[in-house]
Amino acid sequence: MISSIKFKNIGQLVTFATVRNKLITLADAEILINDGHISAIGSKVGEANIEIDCRQALVTPGFVDPHTHPVFLHGRVNEFELRIKGASFQEISEVG
């Protein structure tokens, strides 16, 4: 049995279209997921075992923002190397 989930009644769906290389926004959209993979996005995507009503909410992907804060003026390669070697944050802080 294929496990399927449908997110319905999405007010706005904001996602990145890799083919267009830009962010896109869809209104009144649905998302269909089969076996953990998005299989359809559109205004009507079909039936599913589980339906989740998004109540016209905004839906976005779980963006990951790898960054560092400007307070770090120099590279953090030494910190990274110490973490790989098992140093605690306290030990790294004591080194400076």
C-alpha atoms as a PDB file:
ATOM      1  CA  MET A   1       0.000   0.000   0.000  1.00  0.00           C
ATOM      2  CA  ILE A   2       1.339   3.402  -0.991  1.00  0.00           C
ATOM      3  CA  SER A   3       1.236   6.016   1.748  1.00  0.00           C
ATOM      4  CA  SER A   4      -0.060   9.309   0.394  1.00  0.00           C
ATOM      5  CA  ILE A   5      -0.637  12.714   1.952  1.00  0.00           C
ATOM      6  CA  LYS A   6      -2.388  15.705   0.430  1.00  0.00           C
ATOM      7  CA  PHE A   7      -1.936  19.243   1.688  1.00  0.00           C
ATOM      8  CA  LYS A   8      -5.037  21.103   0.556  1.00  0.00           C
ATOM      9  CA  ASN A   9      -6.509  24.578   0.879  1.00  0.00           C
ATOM     10  CA  ILE A  10      -3.053  26.252   0.708  1.00  0.00           C
ATOM     11  CA  GLY A  11      -3.480  30.032   0.532  1.00  0.00           C
ATOM     12  CA  GLN A  12      -0.081  30.610  -1.063  1.00  0.00           C
ATOM     13  CA  LEU A  13       2.634  28.119  -1.922  1.00  0.00           C
ATOM     14  CA  VAL A  14       6.082  29.654  -2.350  1.00  0.00           C
ATOM     15  CA  THR A  15       8.796  27.436  -3.791  1.00  0.00           C
ATOM     16  CA  PHE A  16      11.872  27.523  -6.023  1.00  0.00           C
ATOM     17  CA  ALA A  17      11.406  26.447  -9.627  1.00  0.00           C
ATOM     18  CA  THR A  18      14.769  25.026 -10.647  1.00  0.00           C
ATOM     19  CA  VAL A  19      13.819  24.942 -14.328  1.00  0.00           C
ATOM     20  CA  ARG A  20      12.996  28.676 -14.255  1.00  0.00           C
ATOM     21  CA  ASN A  21      15.744  29.442 -11.710  1.00  0.00           C
ATOM     22  CA  LYS A  22      13.454  31.646  -9.620  1.00  0.00           C
ATOM     23  CA  LEU A  23      11.001  31.713  -6.715  1.00  0.00           C
ATOM     24  CA  ILE A  24       7.385  31.189  -7.692  1.00  0.00           C
ATOM     25  CA  THR A  25       4.122  31.716  -5.809  1.00  0.00           C
ATOM     26  CA  LEU A  26       0.987  29.661  -6.430  1.00  0.00           C
ATOM     27  CA  ALA A  27      -2.412  30.585  -4.998  1.00  0.00           C
ATOM     28  CA  ASP A  28      -5.013  28.041  -3.846  1.00  0.00           C
ATOM     29  CA  ALA A  29      -2.655  25.130  -4.407  1.00  0.00           C
ATOM     30  CA  GLU A  30      -2.486  21.503  -3.297  1.00  0.00           C
ATOM     31  CA  ILE A  31       0.510  19.216  -2.819  1.00  0.00           C
ATOM     32  CA  LEU A  32       0.363  15.440  -3.174  1.00  0.00           C
ATOM     33  CA  ILE A  33       3.069  13.314  -1.556  1.00  0.00           C
ATOM     34  CA  ASN A  34       3.445   9.601  -2.312  1.00  0.00           C
ATOM     35  CA  ASP A  35       5.945   7.463  -0.393  1.00  0.00           C
ATOM     36  CA  GLY A  36       7.710  10.544   0.962  1.00  0.00           C
ATOM     37  CA  HIS A  37       8.170  12.265  -2.418  1.00  0.00           C
ATOM     38  CA  ILE A  38       6.227  15.159  -3.908  1.00  0.00           C
ATOM     39  CA  SER A  39       4.333  13.677  -6.840  1.00  0.00           C
ATOM     40  CA  ALA A  40       2.088  16.598  -7.813  1.00  0.00           C
ATOM     41  CA  ILE A  41       1.551  20.304  -7.192  1.00  0.00           C
ATOM     42  CA  GLY A  42      -1.464  22.097  -8.627  1.00  0.00           C
ATOM     43  CA  SER A  43      -5.005  23.318  -8.095  1.00  0.00           C
ATOM     44  CA  LYS A  44      -6.438  19.741  -7.877  1.00  0.00           C
ATOM     45  CA  VAL A  45      -3.945  16.910  -7.352  1.00  0.00           C
ATOM     46  CA  GLY A  46      -6.185  13.917  -6.670  1.00  0.00           C
ATOM     47  CA  GLU A  47      -6.969  11.779  -3.653  1.00  0.00           C
ATOM     48  CA  ALA A  48      -4.747  10.675  -0.757  1.00  0.00           C
ATOM     49  CA  ASN A  49      -4.914   8.460   2.336  1.00  0.00           C
ATOM     50  CA  ILE A  50      -4.375  11.477   4.572  1.00  0.00           C
ATOM     51  CA  GLU A  51      -5.539  15.031   3.889  1.00  0.00           C
ATOM     52  CA  ILE A  52      -4.248  18.050   5.779  1.00  0.00           C
ATOM     53  CA  ASP A  53      -6.217  21.296   5.540  1.00  0.00           C
ATOM     54  CA  CYS A  54      -3.772  24.216   5.528  1.00  0.00           C
ATOM     55  CA  ARG A  55      -6.630  26.705   6.125  1.00  0.00           C
ATOM     56  CA  GLN A  56      -5.368  29.189   3.519  1.00  0.00           C
ATOM     57  CA  ALA A  57      -1.947  29.405   5.214  1.00  0.00           C
ATOM     58  CA  LEU A  58       1.357  30.207   3.528  1.00  0.00           C
ATOM     59  CA  VAL A  59       3.411  27.094   2.754  1.00  0.00           C
ATOM     60  CA  THR A  60       7.150  27.320   2.016  1.00  0.00           C
ATOM     61  CA  PRO A  61       9.982  24.808   1.846  1.00  0.00           C
ATOM     62  CA  GLY A  62      12.199  24.369   4.879  1.00  0.00           C
ATOM     63  CA  PHE A  63      14.923  26.691   3.668  1.00  0.00           C
ATOM     64  CA  VAL A  64      18.351  26.053   5.164  1.00  0.00           C
ATOM     65  CA  ASP A  65      20.410  29.185   5.727  1.00  0.00           C
ATOM     66  CA  PRO A  66      24.036  28.227   6.378  1.00  0.00           C
ATOM     67  CA  HIS A  67      25.687  31.412   7.503  1.00  0.00           C
ATOM     68  CA  THR A  68      27.925  33.077  10.009  1.00  0.00           C
ATOM     69  CA  HIS A  69      27.372  36.349  11.799  1.00  0.00           C
ATOM     70  CA  PRO A  70      29.401  39.500  11.019  1.00  0.00           C
ATOM     71  CA  VAL A  71      30.785  39.470  14.544  1.00  0.00           C
ATOM     72  CA  PHE A  72      33.242  36.829  13.276  1.00  0.00           C
ATOM     73  CA  LEU A  73      35.755  38.982  11.389  1.00  0.00           C
ATOM     74  CA  HIS A  74      38.107  36.205  10.379  1.00  0.00           C
ATOM     75  CA  GLY A  75      37.666  32.699   9.010  1.00  0.00           C
ATOM     76  CA  ARG A  76      36.491  30.004  11.387  1.00  0.00           C
ATOM     77  CA  VAL A  77      38.518  27.151   9.921  1.00  0.00           C
ATOM     78  CA  ASN A  78      40.436  26.644  13.172  1.00  0.00           C
ATOM     79  CA  GLU A  79      37.179  26.380  15.138  1.00  0.00           C
ATOM     80  CA  PHE A  80      35.826  23.879  12.655  1.00  0.00           C
ATOM     81  CA  GLU A  81      38.977  21.787  12.897  1.00  0.00           C
ATOM     82  CA  LEU A  82      38.797  21.792  16.708  1.00  0.00           C
ATOM     83  CA  ARG A  83      35.118  20.679  16.583  1.00  0.00           C
ATOM     84  CA  ILE A  84      36.028  17.818  14.252  1.00  0.00           C
ATOM     85  CA  LYS A  85      38.690  16.746  16.735  1.00  0.00           C
ATOM     86  CA  GLY A  86      36.051  16.686  19.487  1.00  0.00           C
ATOM     87  CA  ALA A  87      36.694  19.956  21.317  1.00  0.00           C
ATOM     88  CA  SER A  88      33.738  21.373  23.227  1.00  0.00           C
ATOM     89  CA  PHE A  89      32.438  24.880  22.586  1.00  0.00           C
ATOM     90  CA  GLN A  90      33.866  25.879  25.975  1.00  0.00           C
ATOM     91  CA  GLU A  91      37.319  24.602  24.979  1.00  0.00           C
ATOM     92  CA  ILE A  92      37.140  26.447  21.657  1.00  0.00           C
ATOM     93  CA  SER A  93      36.067  29.644  23.456  1.00  0.00           C
ATOM     94  CA  GLU A  94      39.045  29.398  25.823  1.00  0.00           C
ATOM     95  CA  VAL A  95      41.402  29.220  22.822  1.00  0.00           C
ATOM     96  CA  GLY A  96      39.918  32.464  21.523  1.00  0.00           C
END
